[in-house]
Amino acid sequence: MTDAIRLLLFPALMAFAASSDLFSMTISNRVSLLLVVGFFTLAFWSGMTPMDVLYHVGAAFAVLTVTFTFFARGWIGGGDAKLAAATALWLGFDFLLPYVLYASIFGGILTFAVIRFRIMPLPEWLGKHDWVRRLHRLDAGVPYGIALAAAALLIYPDTAWMRLG
């Protein structure tokens, strides 16, 4: 069971969060909640020390503090803030800086691509899809969950979770 959680849960939830954000511009609270429950379950089953758990919780709290401020200012969505914090819970401080750097780089590229997409005329065949029309709107946000998930999936193979087996 531990192997199933560490190998499948985190990557599957990241992929789901990215696709959900792309298609609906929302990330369900359930995704972040499942990440939190999965982390604590895996931490318990793998024998993680209480100090290591607190270390990971501290990383999540630090990210939540920053992302909540960003959310309050209207810079990011609430789902993005919770996803980033839940991801930090899994990564801990050891991988937090690379995660933030990759998420920023991927987010910048994604934002540029979305802006470029929005200034182009929308082909009729693409305009038949609600999610494409929503993404094309000039007043819509950027599905930043894609960048957060991509960064997490890039970092995850280097984490201690993948060295457990």
Protein backbone atom coordinates (compact mmCIF):
# COMPACT_ATOMS: atom_id res chain seq x y z
CA MET A 1 0.00 0.00 0.00
CA THR A 2 2.86 2.38 0.81
CA ASP A 3 4.31 1.87 -2.67
CA ALA A 4 0.96 2.58 -4.30
CA ILE A 5 0.61 5.86 -2.39
CA ARG A 6 4.15 7.09 -3.03
CA LEU A 7 4.24 6.04 -6.69
CA LEU A 8 0.71 6.90 -7.77
CA LEU A 9 -1.14 9.29 -5.49
CA PHE A 10 1.05 12.39 -5.74
CA PRO A 11 1.65 12.19 -9.52
CA ALA A 12 -2.00 11.37 -10.25
CA LEU A 13 -3.30 14.24 -8.14
CA MET A 14 -0.83 16.66 -9.75
CA ALA A 15 -1.94 15.58 -13.21
CA PHE A 16 -5.58 15.89 -12.18
CA ALA A 17 -5.03 19.37 -10.72
CA ALA A 18 -3.32 20.57 -13.90
CA SER A 19 -6.00 19.20 -16.21
CA SER A 20 -8.80 20.45 -13.97
CA ASP A 21 -7.31 23.94 -13.94
CA LEU A 22 -6.95 23.90 -17.72
CA PHE A 23 -10.47 22.69 -18.43
CA SER A 24 -12.40 24.49 -15.68
CA MET A 25 -10.05 27.15 -14.25
CA THR A 26 -10.59 25.58 -10.82
CA ILE A 27 -8.72 23.16 -8.59
CA SER A 28 -11.00 21.28 -6.23
CA ASN A 29 -10.36 21.47 -2.50
CA ARG A 30 -10.53 17.69 -2.56
CA VAL A 31 -7.24 17.54 -4.46
CA SER A 32 -5.40 19.48 -1.75
CA LEU A 33 -7.16 17.52 0.99
CA LEU A 34 -6.21 14.19 -0.61
CA LEU A 35 -2.61 15.38 -0.88
CA VAL A 36 -2.57 16.25 2.83
CA VAL A 37 -4.17 12.96 3.88
CA GLY A 38 -1.86 11.04 1.54
CA PHE A 39 1.19 12.74 2.98
CA PHE A 40 0.32 11.95 6.58
CA THR A 41 -0.63 8.38 5.69
CA LEU A 42 2.63 7.83 3.86
CA ALA A 43 4.63 9.57 6.59
CA PHE A 44 3.13 7.26 9.19
CA TRP A 45 3.54 4.05 7.15
CA SER A 46 7.08 4.89 6.09
CA GLY A 47 8.22 5.64 9.63
CA MET A 48 8.97 9.32 9.13
CA THR A 49 10.12 10.89 12.40
CA PRO A 50 7.87 13.46 14.10
CA MET A 51 10.58 16.10 13.57
CA ASP A 52 10.67 15.38 9.83
CA VAL A 53 6.87 15.61 9.70
CA LEU A 54 7.04 18.99 11.45
CA TYR A 55 9.71 20.08 8.98
CA HIS A 56 7.36 19.28 6.09
CA VAL A 57 4.42 20.94 7.84
CA GLY A 58 6.59 24.05 8.32
CA ALA A 59 7.31 24.16 4.58
CA ALA A 60 3.59 23.87 3.82
CA PHE A 61 2.74 26.59 6.34
CA ALA A 62 5.38 28.93 4.90
CA VAL A 63 4.03 28.44 1.38
CA LEU A 64 0.43 28.82 2.54
CA THR A 65 1.29 32.09 4.27
CA VAL A 66 2.83 33.53 1.10
CA THR A 67 0.21 32.15 -1.29
CA PHE A 68 -2.67 33.26 0.94
CA THR A 69 -1.26 36.78 0.77
CA PHE A 70 -1.07 36.47 -3.02
CA PHE A 71 -4.67 35.21 -3.08
CA ALA A 72 -5.87 38.07 -0.87
CA ARG A 73 -4.31 40.53 -3.32
CA GLY A 74 -6.00 38.81 -6.26
CA TRP A 75 -2.74 37.65 -7.82
CA ILE A 76 -3.52 33.92 -7.73
CA GLY A 77 -6.55 31.72 -7.23
CA GLY A 78 -7.42 29.99 -3.99
CA GLY A 79 -6.99 26.56 -5.54
CA ASP A 80 -3.48 27.48 -6.65
CA ALA A 81 -2.61 28.66 -3.13
CA LYS A 82 -3.84 25.44 -1.54
CA LEU A 83 -2.22 23.24 -4.18
CA ALA A 84 1.15 24.95 -3.72
CA ALA A 85 0.95 24.49 0.07
CA ALA A 86 -0.10 20.84 -0.19
CA THR A 87 2.75 20.25 -2.64
CA ALA A 88 5.20 21.89 -0.24
CA LEU A 89 3.98 19.49 2.44
CA TRP A 90 5.18 16.58 0.29
CA LEU A 91 8.44 18.25 -0.76
CA GLY A 92 9.53 19.85 2.50
CA PHE A 93 12.15 22.57 2.75
CA ASP A 94 14.75 20.40 0.97
CA PHE A 95 12.98 20.80 -2.38
CA LEU A 96 11.04 24.00 -1.79
CA LEU A 97 13.44 26.37 -3.53
CA PRO A 98 13.73 24.27 -6.71
CA TYR A 99 9.94 23.85 -6.70
CA VAL A 100 9.34 27.58 -6.45
CA LEU A 101 11.95 28.32 -9.14
CA TYR A 102 10.56 25.75 -11.59
CA ALA A 103 6.98 26.82 -10.88
CA SER A 104 7.97 30.44 -11.56
CA ILE A 105 9.73 29.57 -14.82
CA PHE A 106 6.92 27.30 -16.01
CA GLY A 107 4.36 29.86 -14.87
CA GLY A 108 6.07 32.61 -16.84
CA ILE A 109 6.17 30.48 -19.97
CA LEU A 110 2.53 29.46 -19.45
CA THR A 111 1.43 33.05 -18.91
CA PHE A 112 3.25 34.19 -22.05
CA ALA A 113 1.66 31.36 -24.05
CA VAL A 114 -1.83 32.13 -22.73
CA ILE A 115 -1.46 35.85 -23.46
CA ARG A 116 -0.23 35.03 -26.97
CA PHE A 117 -3.16 32.64 -27.43
CA ARG A 118 -5.62 35.31 -26.31
CA ILE A 119 -4.48 37.95 -28.78
CA MET A 120 -4.81 35.55 -31.70
CA PRO A 121 -8.19 35.06 -33.37
CA LEU A 122 -9.86 31.91 -32.11
CA PRO A 123 -10.32 29.36 -34.90
CA GLU A 124 -13.95 28.30 -35.27
CA TRP A 125 -13.19 24.63 -34.70
CA LEU A 126 -11.54 25.46 -31.35
CA GLY A 127 -14.29 27.86 -30.37
CA LYS A 128 -16.72 24.96 -30.15
CA HIS A 129 -15.21 23.94 -26.82
CA ASP A 130 -16.30 25.82 -23.68
CA TRP A 131 -12.93 25.42 -21.97
CA VAL A 132 -11.10 26.89 -24.98
CA ARG A 133 -13.44 29.89 -25.13
CA ARG A 134 -12.98 30.40 -21.38
CA LEU A 135 -9.21 30.23 -21.72
CA HIS A 136 -9.31 32.66 -24.67
CA ARG A 137 -11.23 35.35 -22.77
CA LEU A 138 -9.08 38.41 -22.09
CA ASP A 139 -10.50 38.82 -18.58
CA ALA A 140 -9.83 35.21 -17.54
CA GLY A 141 -6.98 34.18 -15.29
CA VAL A 142 -4.11 31.89 -16.12
CA PRO A 143 -4.49 28.21 -15.13
CA TYR A 144 -1.36 28.38 -12.98
CA GLY A 145 -2.07 24.97 -11.51
CA ILE A 146 -0.49 23.59 -14.68
CA ALA A 147 2.84 25.24 -13.80
CA LEU A 148 2.59 24.19 -10.15
CA ALA A 149 1.90 20.58 -11.12
CA ALA A 150 4.62 20.48 -13.78
CA ALA A 151 7.20 21.79 -11.31
CA ALA A 152 6.10 19.28 -8.67
CA LEU A 153 6.29 16.38 -11.11
CA LEU A 154 9.75 17.46 -12.24
CA ILE A 155 11.04 17.57 -8.64
CA TYR A 156 9.21 14.54 -7.21
CA PRO A 157 11.53 11.82 -8.61
CA ASP A 158 14.44 13.35 -6.63
CA THR A 159 12.61 13.32 -3.30
CA ALA A 160 13.06 10.86 -0.46
CA TRP A 161 9.65 9.41 -1.30
CA MET A 162 11.07 7.89 -4.45
CA ARG A 163 14.14 6.54 -2.64
CA LEU A 164 12.01 4.57 -0.17
CA GLY A 165 11.61 1.50 -2.35
